[in-house]
Amino acid sequence: ENRKEIGGILRQLSEWKGVKIVEAEVCPDHIHMLVEIPPKMSVAGYIGFLKGKSSLMIFQRHGNLKYKYGNRSFWCRGYYVDTAEKNTKKIAQYIQNQLKEDQLTDQMTLKEYMDPLAGNK
């Protein structure tokens, strides 16, 4: 499954940089990660390395994705970062529940678009 493979790539690259992944969840169209980055490393440097190197590895293993994403840009340009010194447990729980939340939202969205007059088939 692609989710597990992408997670494995991100873990491997993080280990190379000495970054500890505290919690992570790969969702269908995004990723949540709670990480501990060494003080000597910048967040931008880590994210740039992670996105750049993982894109190369993913496209190397799955050549067909090059056509889907084009220009070797698997990840979007932006990211969100915040410090989590006091709320680490709450953030980890939030990340653990994200896939379930996304799946529930997707199910609700599908129901909203179904025509109630069409009946069940």
PDB file of N, CA and C in Angstrom:
ATOM      1  N   GLU A   1       0.840  -1.187   0.000  1.00  0.00           N
ATOM      2  CA  GLU A   1       0.000   0.000   0.000  1.00  0.00           C
ATOM      3  C   GLU A   1       0.882   1.246   0.000  1.00  0.00           C
ATOM      4  N   ASN A   2       0.502   2.230  -0.775  1.00  0.00           N
ATOM      5  CA  ASN A   2       1.298   3.449  -0.911  1.00  0.00           C
ATOM      6  C   ASN A   2       1.453   4.215   0.400  1.00  0.00           C
ATOM      7  N   ARG A   3       0.404   4.230   1.225  1.00  0.00           N
ATOM      8  CA  ARG A   3       0.477   4.941   2.511  1.00  0.00           C
ATOM      9  C   ARG A   3       1.638   4.436   3.350  1.00  0.00           C
ATOM     10  N   LYS A   4       1.747   3.120   3.470  1.00  0.00           N
ATOM     11  CA  LYS A   4       2.809   2.532   4.291  1.00  0.00           C
ATOM     12  C   LYS A   4       4.179   2.810   3.689  1.00  0.00           C
ATOM     13  N   GLU A   5       4.265   2.742   2.374  1.00  0.00           N
ATOM     14  CA  GLU A   5       5.548   2.983   1.721  1.00  0.00           C
ATOM     15  C   GLU A   5       5.986   4.435   1.896  1.00  0.00           C
ATOM     16  N   ILE A   6       5.060   5.363   1.728  1.00  0.00           N
ATOM     17  CA  ILE A   6       5.394   6.776   1.925  1.00  0.00           C
ATOM     18  C   ILE A   6       5.803   7.018   3.372  1.00  0.00           C
ATOM     19  N   GLY A   7       5.081   6.423   4.304  1.00  0.00           N
ATOM     20  CA  GLY A   7       5.448   6.538   5.717  1.00  0.00           C
ATOM     21  C   GLY A   7       6.839   5.997   5.983  1.00  0.00           C
ATOM     22  N   GLY A   8       7.172   4.866   5.371  1.00  0.00           N
ATOM     23  CA  GLY A   8       8.507   4.282   5.529  1.00  0.00           C
ATOM     24  C   GLY A   8       9.597   5.182   4.980  1.00  0.00           C
ATOM     25  N   ILE A   9       9.338   5.796   3.838  1.00  0.00           N
ATOM     26  CA  ILE A   9      10.311   6.716   3.241  1.00  0.00           C
ATOM     27  C   ILE A   9      10.531   7.913   4.165  1.00  0.00           C
ATOM     28  N   LEU A  10       9.450   8.476   4.687  1.00  0.00           N
ATOM     29  CA  LEU A  10       9.574   9.637   5.572  1.00  0.00           C
ATOM     30  C   LEU A  10      10.308   9.278   6.860  1.00  0.00           C
ATOM     31  N   ARG A  11      10.055   8.079   7.393  1.00  0.00           N
ATOM     32  CA  ARG A  11      10.779   7.634   8.597  1.00  0.00           C
ATOM     33  C   ARG A  11      12.266   7.485   8.311  1.00  0.00           C
ATOM     34  N   GLN A  12      12.587   6.853   7.187  1.00  0.00           N
ATOM     35  CA  GLN A  12      13.989   6.637   6.822  1.00  0.00           C
ATOM     36  C   GLN A  12      14.720   7.969   6.659  1.00  0.00           C
ATOM     37  N   LEU A  13      14.126   8.902   5.941  1.00  0.00           N
ATOM     38  CA  LEU A  13      14.761  10.196   5.719  1.00  0.00           C
ATOM     39  C   LEU A  13      14.903  10.981   7.021  1.00  0.00           C
ATOM     40  N   SER A  14      13.908  10.877   7.881  1.00  0.00           N
ATOM     41  CA  SER A  14      13.980  11.566   9.170  1.00  0.00           C
ATOM     42  C   SER A  14      15.104  11.001  10.025  1.00  0.00           C
ATOM     43  N   GLU A  15      15.251   9.684  10.021  1.00  0.00           N
ATOM     44  CA  GLU A  15      16.348   9.057  10.767  1.00  0.00           C
ATOM     45  C   GLU A  15      17.698   9.531  10.257  1.00  0.00           C
ATOM     46  N   TRP A  16      17.836   9.674   8.940  1.00  0.00           N
ATOM     47  CA  TRP A  16      19.097  10.151   8.361  1.00  0.00           C
ATOM     48  C   TRP A  16      19.473  11.521   8.915  1.00  0.00           C
ATOM     49  N   LYS A  17      18.465  12.342   9.194  1.00  0.00           N
ATOM     50  CA  LYS A  17      18.707  13.705   9.681  1.00  0.00           C
ATOM     51  C   LYS A  17      18.677  13.806  11.211  1.00  0.00           C
ATOM     52  N   GLY A  18      18.446  12.688  11.880  1.00  0.00           N
ATOM     53  CA  GLY A  18      18.393  12.715  13.341  1.00  0.00           C
ATOM     54  C   GLY A  18      17.109  13.315  13.880  1.00  0.00           C
ATOM     55  N   VAL A  19      16.052  13.253  13.085  1.00  0.00           N
ATOM     56  CA  VAL A  19      14.750  13.786  13.480  1.00  0.00           C
ATOM     57  C   VAL A  19      13.886  12.634  13.981  1.00  0.00           C
ATOM     58  N   LYS A  20      13.273  12.819  15.138  1.00  0.00           N
ATOM     59  CA  LYS A  20      12.407  11.790  15.717  1.00  0.00           C
ATOM     60  C   LYS A  20      10.958  12.081  15.334  1.00  0.00           C
ATOM     61  N   ILE A  21      10.299  11.101  14.725  1.00  0.00           N
ATOM     62  CA  ILE A  21       8.870  11.226  14.430  1.00  0.00           C
ATOM     63  C   ILE A  21       8.118  10.715  15.654  1.00  0.00           C
ATOM     64  N   VAL A  22       7.451  11.620  16.355  1.00  0.00           N
ATOM     65  CA  VAL A  22       6.699  11.274  17.559  1.00  0.00           C
ATOM     66  C   VAL A  22       5.369  10.635  17.173  1.00  0.00           C
ATOM     67  N   GLU A  23       4.704  11.227  16.198  1.00  0.00           N
ATOM     68  CA  GLU A  23       3.421  10.717  15.714  1.00  0.00           C
ATOM     69  C   GLU A  23       3.259  11.161  14.269  1.00  0.00           C
ATOM     70  N   ALA A  24       2.623  10.333  13.461  1.00  0.00           N
ATOM     71  CA  ALA A  24       2.377  10.697  12.061  1.00  0.00           C
ATOM     72  C   ALA A  24       1.182   9.922  11.533  1.00  0.00           C
ATOM     73  N   GLU A  25       0.501  10.527  10.585  1.00  0.00           N
ATOM     74  CA  GLU A  25      -0.615   9.872   9.910  1.00  0.00           C
ATOM     75  C   GLU A  25      -0.618  10.313   8.453  1.00  0.00           C
ATOM     76  N   VAL A  26      -0.596   9.339   7.557  1.00  0.00           N
ATOM     77  CA  VAL A  26      -0.655   9.617   6.125  1.00  0.00           C
ATOM     78  C   VAL A  26      -2.118   9.517   5.708  1.00  0.00           C
ATOM     79  N   CYS A  27      -2.694  10.638   5.316  1.00  0.00           N
ATOM     80  CA  CYS A  27      -4.073  10.704   4.843  1.00  0.00           C
ATOM     81  C   CYS A  27      -4.059  10.682   3.314  1.00  0.00           C
ATOM     82  N   PRO A  28      -5.210  10.524   2.675  1.00  0.00           N
ATOM     83  CA  PRO A  28      -5.221  10.416   1.207  1.00  0.00           C
ATOM     84  C   PRO A  28      -4.569  11.583   0.470  1.00  0.00           C
ATOM     85  N   ASP A  29      -4.700  12.797   0.992  1.00  0.00           N
ATOM     86  CA  ASP A  29      -4.150  13.936   0.250  1.00  0.00           C
ATOM     87  C   ASP A  29      -3.255  14.853   1.080  1.00  0.00           C
ATOM     88  N   HIS A  30      -2.870  14.413   2.271  1.00  0.00           N
ATOM     89  CA  HIS A  30      -1.965  15.203   3.098  1.00  0.00           C
ATOM     90  C   HIS A  30      -1.392  14.333   4.213  1.00  0.00           C
ATOM     91  N   ILE A  31      -0.433  14.901   4.932  1.00  0.00           N
ATOM     92  CA  ILE A  31       0.226  14.171   6.021  1.00  0.00           C
ATOM     93  C   ILE A  31       0.293  15.064   7.246  1.00  0.00           C
ATOM     94  N   HIS A  32       0.053  14.468   8.410  1.00  0.00           N
ATOM     95  CA  HIS A  32       0.258  15.149   9.683  1.00  0.00           C
ATOM     96  C   HIS A  32       1.457  14.494  10.352  1.00  0.00           C
ATOM     97  N   MET A  33       2.392  15.311  10.828  1.00  0.00           N
ATOM     98  CA  MET A  33       3.566  14.770  11.519  1.00  0.00           C
ATOM     99  C   MET A  33       3.882  15.629  12.737  1.00  0.00           C
ATOM    100  N   LEU A  34       4.151  14.964  13.848  1.00  0.00           N
ATOM    101  CA  LEU A  34       4.675  15.612  15.045  1.00  0.00           C
ATOM    102  C   LEU A  34       6.103  15.116  15.177  1.00  0.00           C
ATOM    103  N   VAL A  35       7.067  16.013  15.053  1.00  0.00           N
ATOM    104  CA  VAL A  35       8.472  15.614  15.028  1.00  0.00           C
ATOM    105  C   VAL A  35       9.284  16.404  16.041  1.00  0.00           C
ATOM    106  N   GLU A  36      10.389  15.809  16.454  1.00  0.00           N
ATOM    107  CA  GLU A  36      11.383  16.493  17.279  1.00  0.00           C
ATOM    108  C   GLU A  36      12.609  16.721  16.404  1.00  0.00           C
ATOM    109  N   ILE A  37      12.871  17.984  16.102  1.00  0.00           N
ATOM    110  CA  ILE A  37      13.988  18.358  15.238  1.00  0.00           C
ATOM    111  C   ILE A  37      15.147  18.814  16.112  1.00  0.00           C
ATOM    112  N   PRO A  38      16.367  18.338  15.844  1.00  0.00           N
ATOM    113  CA  PRO A  38      17.529  18.780  16.629  1.00  0.00           C
ATOM    114  C   PRO A  38      17.667  20.305  16.588  1.00  0.00           C
ATOM    115  N   PRO A  39      18.114  20.913  17.686  1.00  0.00           N
ATOM    116  CA  PRO A  39      18.224  22.379  17.759  1.00  0.00           C
ATOM    117  C   PRO A  39      19.091  22.995  16.666  1.00  0.00           C
ATOM    118  N   LYS A  40      20.091  22.271  16.204  1.00  0.00           N
ATOM    119  CA  LYS A  40      21.003  22.825  15.194  1.00  0.00           C
ATOM    120  C   LYS A  40      20.390  22.861  13.790  1.00  0.00           C
ATOM    121  N   MET A  41      19.231  22.225  13.610  1.00  0.00           N
ATOM    122  CA  MET A  41      18.614  22.113  12.285  1.00  0.00           C
ATOM    123  C   MET A  41      17.435  23.074  12.169  1.00  0.00           C
ATOM    124  N   SER A  42      17.317  23.730  11.029  1.00  0.00           N
ATOM    125  CA  SER A  42      16.164  24.609  10.805  1.00  0.00           C
ATOM    126  C   SER A  42      14.970  23.782  10.331  1.00  0.00           C
ATOM    127  N   VAL A  43      13.800  24.246  10.670  1.00  0.00           N
ATOM    128  CA  VAL A  43      12.579  23.573  10.227  1.00  0.00           C
ATOM    129  C   VAL A  43      12.506  23.588   8.703  1.00  0.00           C
ATOM    130  N   ALA A  44      12.791  24.754   8.107  1.00  0.00           N
ATOM    131  CA  ALA A  44      12.737  24.875   6.644  1.00  0.00           C
ATOM    132  C   ALA A  44      13.726  23.922   5.975  1.00  0.00           C
ATOM    133  N   GLY A  45      14.911  23.775   6.563  1.00  0.00           N
ATOM    134  CA  GLY A  45      15.904  22.855   6.007  1.00  0.00           C
ATOM    135  C   GLY A  45      15.428  21.414   6.050  1.00  0.00           C
ATOM    136  N   TYR A  46      14.833  21.025   7.170  1.00  0.00           N
ATOM    137  CA  TYR A  46      14.316  19.662   7.315  1.00  0.00           C
ATOM    138  C   TYR A  46      13.169  19.406   6.338  1.00  0.00           C
ATOM    139  N   ILE A  47      12.204  20.321   6.284  1.00  0.00           N
ATOM    140  CA  ILE A  47      11.050  20.138   5.403  1.00  0.00           C
ATOM    141  C   ILE A  47      11.491  20.110   3.943  1.00  0.00           C
ATOM    142  N   GLY A  48      12.409  21.004   3.573  1.00  0.00           N
ATOM    143  CA  GLY A  48      12.917  21.023   2.197  1.00  0.00           C
ATOM    144  C   GLY A  48      13.584  19.712   1.828  1.00  0.00           C
ATOM    145  N   PHE A  49      14.422  19.197   2.748  1.00  0.00           N
ATOM    146  CA  PHE A  49      15.081  17.909   2.525  1.00  0.00           C
ATOM    147  C   PHE A  49      14.041  16.797   2.413  1.00  0.00           C
ATOM    148  N   LEU A  50      13.100  16.770   3.358  1.00  0.00           N
ATOM    149  CA  LEU A  50      12.103  15.701   3.408  1.00  0.00           C
ATOM    150  C   LEU A  50      11.244  15.673   2.141  1.00  0.00           C
ATOM    151  N   LYS A  51      10.755  16.828   1.731  1.00  0.00           N
ATOM    152  CA  LYS A  51       9.915  16.882   0.529  1.00  0.00           C
ATOM    153  C   LYS A  51      10.710  16.566  -0.733  1.00  0.00           C
ATOM    154  N   GLY A  52      11.891  17.155  -0.841  1.00  0.00           N
ATOM    155  CA  GLY A  52      12.694  16.957  -2.051  1.00  0.00           C
ATOM    156  C   GLY A  52      13.160  15.529  -2.227  1.00  0.00           C
ATOM    157  N   LYS A  53      13.778  14.979  -1.191  1.00  0.00           N
ATOM    158  CA  LYS A  53      14.328  13.624  -1.286  1.00  0.00           C
ATOM    159  C   LYS A  53      13.212  12.577  -1.377  1.00  0.00           C
ATOM    160  N   SER A  54      12.129  12.767  -0.612  1.00  0.00           N
ATOM    161  CA  SER A  54      11.042  11.780  -0.669  1.00  0.00           C
ATOM    162  C   SER A  54      10.374  11.786  -2.043  1.00  0.00           C
ATOM    163  N   SER A  55      10.244  12.960  -2.671  1.00  0.00           N
ATOM    164  CA  SER A  55       9.683  13.014  -4.032  1.00  0.00           C
ATOM    165  C   SER A  55      10.514  12.179  -4.990  1.00  0.00           C
ATOM    166  N   LEU A  56      11.830  12.357  -4.917  1.00  0.00           N
ATOM    167  CA  LEU A  56      12.715  11.583  -5.793  1.00  0.00           C
ATOM    168  C   LEU A  56      12.554  10.085  -5.556  1.00  0.00           C
ATOM    169  N   MET A  57      12.503   9.689  -4.283  1.00  0.00           N
ATOM    170  CA  MET A  57      12.384   8.266  -3.955  1.00  0.00           C
ATOM    171  C   MET A  57      11.032   7.698  -4.397  1.00  0.00           C
ATOM    172  N   ILE A  58       9.972   8.459  -4.188  1.00  0.00           N
ATOM    173  CA  ILE A  58       8.632   7.994  -4.568  1.00  0.00           C
ATOM    174  C   ILE A  58       8.532   7.849  -6.081  1.00  0.00           C
ATOM    175  N   PHE A  59       9.015   8.854  -6.823  1.00  0.00           N
ATOM    176  CA  PHE A  59       8.953   8.786  -8.284  1.00  0.00           C
ATOM    177  C   PHE A  59       9.867   7.698  -8.834  1.00  0.00           C
ATOM    178  N   GLN A  60      10.961   7.425  -8.137  1.00  0.00           N
ATOM    179  CA  GLN A  60      11.863   6.360  -8.573  1.00  0.00           C
ATOM    180  C   GLN A  60      11.169   4.999  -8.440  1.00  0.00           C
ATOM    181  N   ARG A  61      10.425   4.819  -7.378  1.00  0.00           N
ATOM    182  CA  ARG A  61       9.743   3.545  -7.134  1.00  0.00           C
ATOM    183  C   ARG A  61       8.423   3.421  -7.898  1.00  0.00           C
ATOM    184  N   HIS A  62       7.796   4.563  -8.171  1.00  0.00           N
ATOM    185  CA  HIS A  62       6.489   4.572  -8.841  1.00  0.00           C
ATOM    186  C   HIS A  62       6.533   5.555 -10.004  1.00  0.00           C
ATOM    187  N   GLY A  63       7.155   5.143 -11.095  1.00  0.00           N
ATOM    188  CA  GLY A  63       7.331   6.008 -12.261  1.00  0.00           C
ATOM    189  C   GLY A  63       6.034   6.559 -12.822  1.00  0.00           C
ATOM    190  N   ASN A  64       4.939   5.815 -12.670  1.00  0.00           N
ATOM    191  CA  ASN A  64       3.652   6.273 -13.205  1.00  0.00           C
ATOM    192  C   ASN A  64       3.157   7.548 -12.529  1.00  0.00           C
ATOM    193  N   LEU A  65       3.606   7.815 -11.310  1.00  0.00           N
ATOM    194  CA  LEU A  65       3.163   9.019 -10.603  1.00  0.00           C
ATOM    195  C   LEU A  65       3.731  10.293 -11.216  1.00  0.00           C
ATOM    196  N   LYS A  66       4.834  10.165 -11.955  1.00  0.00           N
ATOM    197  CA  LYS A  66       5.414  11.341 -12.620  1.00  0.00           C
ATOM    198  C   LYS A  66       4.397  11.962 -13.566  1.00  0.00           C
ATOM    199  N   TYR A  67       3.620  11.115 -14.231  1.00  0.00           N
ATOM    200  CA  TYR A  67       2.628  11.614 -15.182  1.00  0.00           C
ATOM    201  C   TYR A  67       1.449  12.257 -14.457  1.00  0.00           C
ATOM    202  N   LYS A  68       1.135  11.722 -13.281  1.00  0.00           N
ATOM    203  CA  LYS A  68       0.012  12.263 -12.515  1.00  0.00           C
ATOM    204  C   LYS A  68       0.358  13.621 -11.911  1.00  0.00           C
ATOM    205  N   TYR A  69       1.572  13.756 -11.375  1.00  0.00           N
ATOM    206  CA  TYR A  69       1.945  14.974 -10.657  1.00  0.00           C
ATOM    207  C   TYR A  69       2.799  15.932 -11.482  1.00  0.00           C
ATOM    208  N   GLY A  70       3.461  15.446 -12.518  1.00  0.00           N
ATOM    209  CA  GLY A  70       4.238  16.304 -13.403  1.00  0.00           C
ATOM    210  C   GLY A  70       5.337  17.095 -12.712  1.00  0.00           C
ATOM    211  N   ASN A  71       6.338  17.472 -13.458  1.00  0.00           N
ATOM    212  CA  ASN A  71       7.450  18.289 -12.968  1.00  0.00           C
ATOM    213  C   ASN A  71       8.039  17.810 -11.639  1.00  0.00           C
ATOM    214  N   ARG A  72       7.861  16.558 -11.339  1.00  0.00           N
ATOM    215  CA  ARG A  72       8.446  15.966 -10.140  1.00  0.00           C
ATOM    216  C   ARG A  72       8.039  16.707  -8.861  1.00  0.00           C
ATOM    217  N   SER A  73       6.832  17.261  -8.854  1.00  0.00           N
ATOM    218  CA  SER A  73       6.362  17.979  -7.666  1.00  0.00           C
ATOM    219  C   SER A  73       5.255  17.177  -6.987  1.00  0.00           C
ATOM    220  N   PHE A  74       5.654  16.239  -6.165  1.00  0.00           N
ATOM    221  CA  PHE A  74       4.708  15.376  -5.466  1.00  0.00           C
ATOM    222  C   PHE A  74       4.021  16.131  -4.329  1.00  0.00           C
ATOM    223  N   TRP A  75       4.763  16.968  -3.632  1.00  0.00           N
ATOM    224  CA  TRP A  75       4.253  17.710  -2.478  1.00  0.00           C
ATOM    225  C   TRP A  75       3.876  19.134  -2.879  1.00  0.00           C
ATOM    226  N   CYS A  76       2.956  19.727  -2.135  1.00  0.00           N
ATOM    227  CA  CYS A  76       2.640  21.138  -2.364  1.00  0.00           C
ATOM    228  C   CYS A  76       3.790  21.990  -1.819  1.00  0.00           C
ATOM    229  N   ARG A  77       3.808  23.261  -2.179  1.00  0.00           N
ATOM    230  CA  ARG A  77       4.925  24.125  -1.795  1.00  0.00           C
ATOM    231  C   ARG A  77       4.913  24.488  -0.319  1.00  0.00           C
ATOM    232  N   GLY A  78       3.773  24.629   0.278  1.00  0.00           N
ATOM    233  CA  GLY A  78       3.687  25.123   1.648  1.00  0.00           C
ATOM    234  C   GLY A  78       3.673  24.032   2.699  1.00  0.00           C
ATOM    235  N   TYR A  79       3.704  24.475   3.947  1.00  0.00           N
ATOM    236  CA  TYR A  79       3.558  23.584   5.098  1.00  0.00           C
ATOM    237  C   TYR A  79       3.191  24.431   6.301  1.00  0.00           C
ATOM    238  N   TYR A  80       2.664  23.792   7.332  1.00  0.00           N
ATOM    239  CA  TYR A  80       2.324  24.481   8.570  1.00  0.00           C
ATOM    240  C   TYR A  80       3.249  23.966   9.650  1.00  0.00           C
ATOM    241  N   VAL A  81       3.759  24.864  10.461  1.00  0.00           N
ATOM    242  CA  VAL A  81       4.638  24.464  11.557  1.00  0.00           C
ATOM    243  C   VAL A  81       4.270  25.253  12.805  1.00  0.00           C
ATOM    244  N   ASP A  82       4.394  24.601  13.949  1.00  0.00           N
ATOM    245  CA  ASP A  82       4.162  25.254  15.229  1.00  0.00           C
ATOM    246  C   ASP A  82       4.980  24.522  16.276  1.00  0.00           C
ATOM    247  N   THR A  83       5.275  25.195  17.364  1.00  0.00           N
ATOM    248  CA  THR A  83       5.966  24.522  18.460  1.00  0.00           C
ATOM    249  C   THR A  83       4.926  23.838  19.333  1.00  0.00           C
ATOM    250  N   ALA A  84       5.314  22.733  19.938  1.00  0.00           N
ATOM    251  CA  ALA A  84       4.341  21.919  20.668  1.00  0.00           C
ATOM    252  C   ALA A  84       4.870  21.483  22.023  1.00  0.00           C
ATOM    253  N   GLU A  85       5.642  22.319  22.649  1.00  0.00           N
ATOM    254  CA  GLU A  85       6.310  21.928  23.888  1.00  0.00           C
ATOM    255  C   GLU A  85       5.348  21.437  24.962  1.00  0.00           C
ATOM    256  N   LYS A  86       4.263  22.161  25.207  1.00  0.00           N
ATOM    257  CA  LYS A  86       3.361  21.809  26.307  1.00  0.00           C
ATOM    258  C   LYS A  86       2.191  20.933  25.879  1.00  0.00           C
ATOM    259  N   ASN A  87       1.876  20.890  24.609  1.00  0.00           N
ATOM    260  CA  ASN A  87       0.684  20.180  24.138  1.00  0.00           C
ATOM    261  C   ASN A  87       1.002  18.935  23.327  1.00  0.00           C
ATOM    262  N   THR A  88       2.143  18.335  23.551  1.00  0.00           N
ATOM    263  CA  THR A  88       2.578  17.201  22.738  1.00  0.00           C
ATOM    264  C   THR A  88       1.563  16.061  22.737  1.00  0.00           C
ATOM    265  N   LYS A  89       1.023  15.700  23.897  1.00  0.00           N
ATOM    266  CA  LYS A  89       0.072  14.582  23.963  1.00  0.00           C
ATOM    267  C   LYS A  89      -1.211  14.887  23.193  1.00  0.00           C
ATOM    268  N   LYS A  90      -1.728  16.099  23.344  1.00  0.00           N
ATOM    269  CA  LYS A  90      -2.954  16.471  22.631  1.00  0.00           C
ATOM    270  C   LYS A  90      -2.727  16.477  21.125  1.00  0.00           C
ATOM    271  N   ILE A  91      -1.589  16.969  20.705  1.00  0.00           N
ATOM    272  CA  ILE A  91      -1.290  17.005  19.273  1.00  0.00           C
ATOM    273  C   ILE A  91      -1.135  15.591  18.730  1.00  0.00           C
ATOM    274  N   ALA A  92      -0.478  14.712  19.480  1.00  0.00           N
ATOM    275  CA  ALA A  92      -0.324  13.317  19.054  1.00  0.00           C
ATOM    276  C   ALA A  92      -1.695  12.652  18.908  1.00  0.00           C
ATOM    277  N   GLN A  93      -2.602  12.899  19.860  1.00  0.00           N
ATOM    278  CA  GLN A  93      -3.953  12.333  19.770  1.00  0.00           C
ATOM    279  C   GLN A  93      -4.702  12.885  18.561  1.00  0.00           C
ATOM    280  N   TYR A  94      -4.550  14.172  18.316  1.00  0.00           N
ATOM    281  CA  TYR A  94      -5.179  14.797  17.147  1.00  0.00           C
ATOM    282  C   TYR A  94      -4.708  14.115  15.865  1.00  0.00           C
ATOM    283  N   ILE A  95      -3.411  13.898  15.746  1.00  0.00           N
ATOM    284  CA  ILE A  95      -2.850  13.272  14.551  1.00  0.00           C
ATOM    285  C   ILE A  95      -3.361  11.844  14.402  1.00  0.00           C
ATOM    286  N   GLN A  96      -3.429  11.110  15.511  1.00  0.00           N
ATOM    287  CA  GLN A  96      -3.902   9.731  15.461  1.00  0.00           C
ATOM    288  C   GLN A  96      -5.331   9.642  14.924  1.00  0.00           C
ATOM    289  N   ASN A  97      -6.131  10.650  15.188  1.00  0.00           N
ATOM    290  CA  ASN A  97      -7.538  10.622  14.788  1.00  0.00           C
ATOM    291  C   ASN A  97      -7.808  11.237  13.420  1.00  0.00           C
ATOM    292  N   GLN A  98      -6.806  11.789  12.766  1.00  0.00           N
ATOM    293  CA  GLN A  98      -7.037  12.512  11.524  1.00  0.00           C
ATOM    294  C   GLN A  98      -7.548  11.642  10.390  1.00  0.00           C
ATOM    295  N   LEU A  99      -7.025  10.455  10.218  1.00  0.00           N
ATOM    296  CA  LEU A  99      -7.482   9.590   9.132  1.00  0.00           C
ATOM    297  C   LEU A  99      -8.961   9.248   9.318  1.00  0.00           C
ATOM    298  N   LYS A 100      -9.354   8.933  10.550  1.00  0.00           N
ATOM    299  CA  LYS A 100     -10.763   8.632  10.829  1.00  0.00           C
ATOM    300  C   LYS A 100     -11.641   9.848  10.541  1.00  0.00           C
ATOM    301  N   GLU A 101     -11.181  11.023  10.984  1.00  0.00           N
ATOM    302  CA  GLU A 101     -11.940  12.254  10.753  1.00  0.00           C
ATOM    303  C   GLU A 101     -12.101  12.523   9.257  1.00  0.00           C
ATOM    304  N   ASP A 102     -11.021  12.355   8.504  1.00  0.00           N
ATOM    305  CA  ASP A 102     -11.078  12.581   7.056  1.00  0.00           C
ATOM    306  C   ASP A 102     -12.043  11.608   6.389  1.00  0.00           C
ATOM    307  N   GLN A 103     -12.030  10.351   6.829  1.00  0.00           N
ATOM    308  CA  GLN A 103     -12.926   9.356   6.244  1.00  0.00           C
ATOM    309  C   GLN A 103     -14.386   9.691   6.551  1.00  0.00           C
ATOM    310  N   LEU A 104     -14.660  10.141   7.777  1.00  0.00           N
ATOM    311  CA  LEU A 104     -16.027  10.529   8.130  1.00  0.00           C
ATOM    312  C   LEU A 104     -16.482  11.731   7.313  1.00  0.00           C
ATOM    313  N   THR A 105     -15.604  12.702   7.151  1.00  0.00           N
ATOM    314  CA  THR A 105     -15.933  13.885   6.354  1.00  0.00           C
ATOM    315  C   THR A 105     -16.216  13.495   4.917  1.00  0.00           C
ATOM    316  N   ASP A 106     -15.390  12.597   4.365  1.00  0.00           N
ATOM    317  CA  ASP A 106     -15.609  12.136   2.995  1.00  0.00           C
ATOM    318  C   ASP A 106     -16.960  11.446   2.857  1.00  0.00           C
ATOM    319  N   GLN A 107     -17.336  10.633   3.852  1.00  0.00           N
ATOM    320  CA  GLN A 107     -18.621   9.941   3.802  1.00  0.00           C
ATOM    321  C   GLN A 107     -19.773  10.933   3.863  1.00  0.00           C
ATOM    322  N   MET A 108     -19.650  11.952   4.723  1.00  0.00           N
ATOM    323  CA  MET A 108     -20.704  12.957   4.818  1.00  0.00           C
ATOM    324  C   MET A 108     -20.811  13.740   3.520  1.00  0.00           C
ATOM    325  N   THR A 109     -19.680  14.051   2.921  1.00  0.00           N
ATOM    326  CA  THR A 109     -19.682  14.796   1.664  1.00  0.00           C
ATOM    327  C   THR A 109     -20.369  13.991   0.573  1.00  0.00           C
ATOM    328  N   LEU A 110     -20.101  12.683   0.519  1.00  0.00           N
ATOM    329  CA  LEU A 110     -20.753  11.834  -0.478  1.00  0.00           C
ATOM    330  C   LEU A 110     -22.265  11.842  -0.288  1.00  0.00           C
ATOM    331  N   LYS A 111     -22.724  11.782   0.964  1.00  0.00           N
ATOM    332  CA  LYS A 111     -24.155  11.775   1.239  1.00  0.00           C
ATOM    333  C   LYS A 111     -24.800  13.090   0.813  1.00  0.00           C
ATOM    334  N   GLU A 112     -24.077  14.191   0.991  1.00  0.00           N
ATOM    335  CA  GLU A 112     -24.617  15.497   0.621  1.00  0.00           C
ATOM    336  C   GLU A 112     -24.860  15.591  -0.878  1.00  0.00           C
ATOM    337  N   TYR A 113     -24.048  14.913  -1.668  1.00  0.00           N
ATOM    338  CA  TYR A 113     -24.162  15.002  -3.115  1.00  0.00           C
ATOM    339  C   TYR A 113     -25.101  13.965  -3.719  1.00  0.00           C
ATOM    340  N   MET A 114     -25.596  13.032  -2.913  1.00  0.00           N
ATOM    341  CA  MET A 114     -26.518  12.033  -3.448  1.00  0.00           C
ATOM    342  C   MET A 114     -27.892  12.674  -3.638  1.00  0.00           C
ATOM    343  N   ASP A 115     -28.550  12.301  -4.686  1.00  0.00           N
ATOM    344  CA  ASP A 115     -29.879  12.832  -4.984  1.00  0.00           C
ATOM    345  C   ASP A 115     -30.909  12.063  -4.164  1.00  0.00           C
ATOM    346  N   PRO A 116     -31.588  12.717  -3.224  1.00  0.00           N
ATOM    347  CA  PRO A 116     -32.546  11.996  -2.377  1.00  0.00           C
ATOM    348  C   PRO A 116     -33.758  11.484  -3.158  1.00  0.00           C
ATOM    349  N   LEU A 117     -34.024  12.054  -4.322  1.00  0.00           N
ATOM    350  CA  LEU A 117     -35.178  11.636  -5.121  1.00  0.00           C
ATOM    351  C   LEU A 117     -34.870  10.469  -6.043  1.00  0.00           C
ATOM    352  N   ALA A 118     -33.594  10.143  -6.181  1.00  0.00           N
ATOM    353  CA  ALA A 118     -33.202   9.076  -7.102  1.00  0.00           C
ATOM    354  C   ALA A 118     -33.469   7.698  -6.516  1.00  0.00           C
ATOM    355  N   GLY A 119     -33.559   7.581  -5.206  1.00  0.00           N
ATOM    356  CA  GLY A 119     -33.773   6.287  -4.582  1.00  0.00           C
ATOM    357  C   GLY A 119     -32.495   5.481  -4.512  1.00  0.00           C
ATOM    358  N   ASN A 120     -32.534   4.388  -3.768  1.00  0.00           N
ATOM    359  CA  ASN A 120     -31.362   3.524  -3.631  1.00  0.00           C
ATOM    360  C   ASN A 120     -31.345   2.495  -4.736  1.00  0.00           C
ATOM    361  N   LYS A 121     -30.174   2.223  -5.242  1.00  0.00           N
ATOM    362  CA  LYS A 121     -30.038   1.209  -6.294  1.00  0.00           C
ATOM    363  C   LYS A 121     -29.286   0.030  -5.778  1.00  0.00           C
TER     364      LYS A 121
END
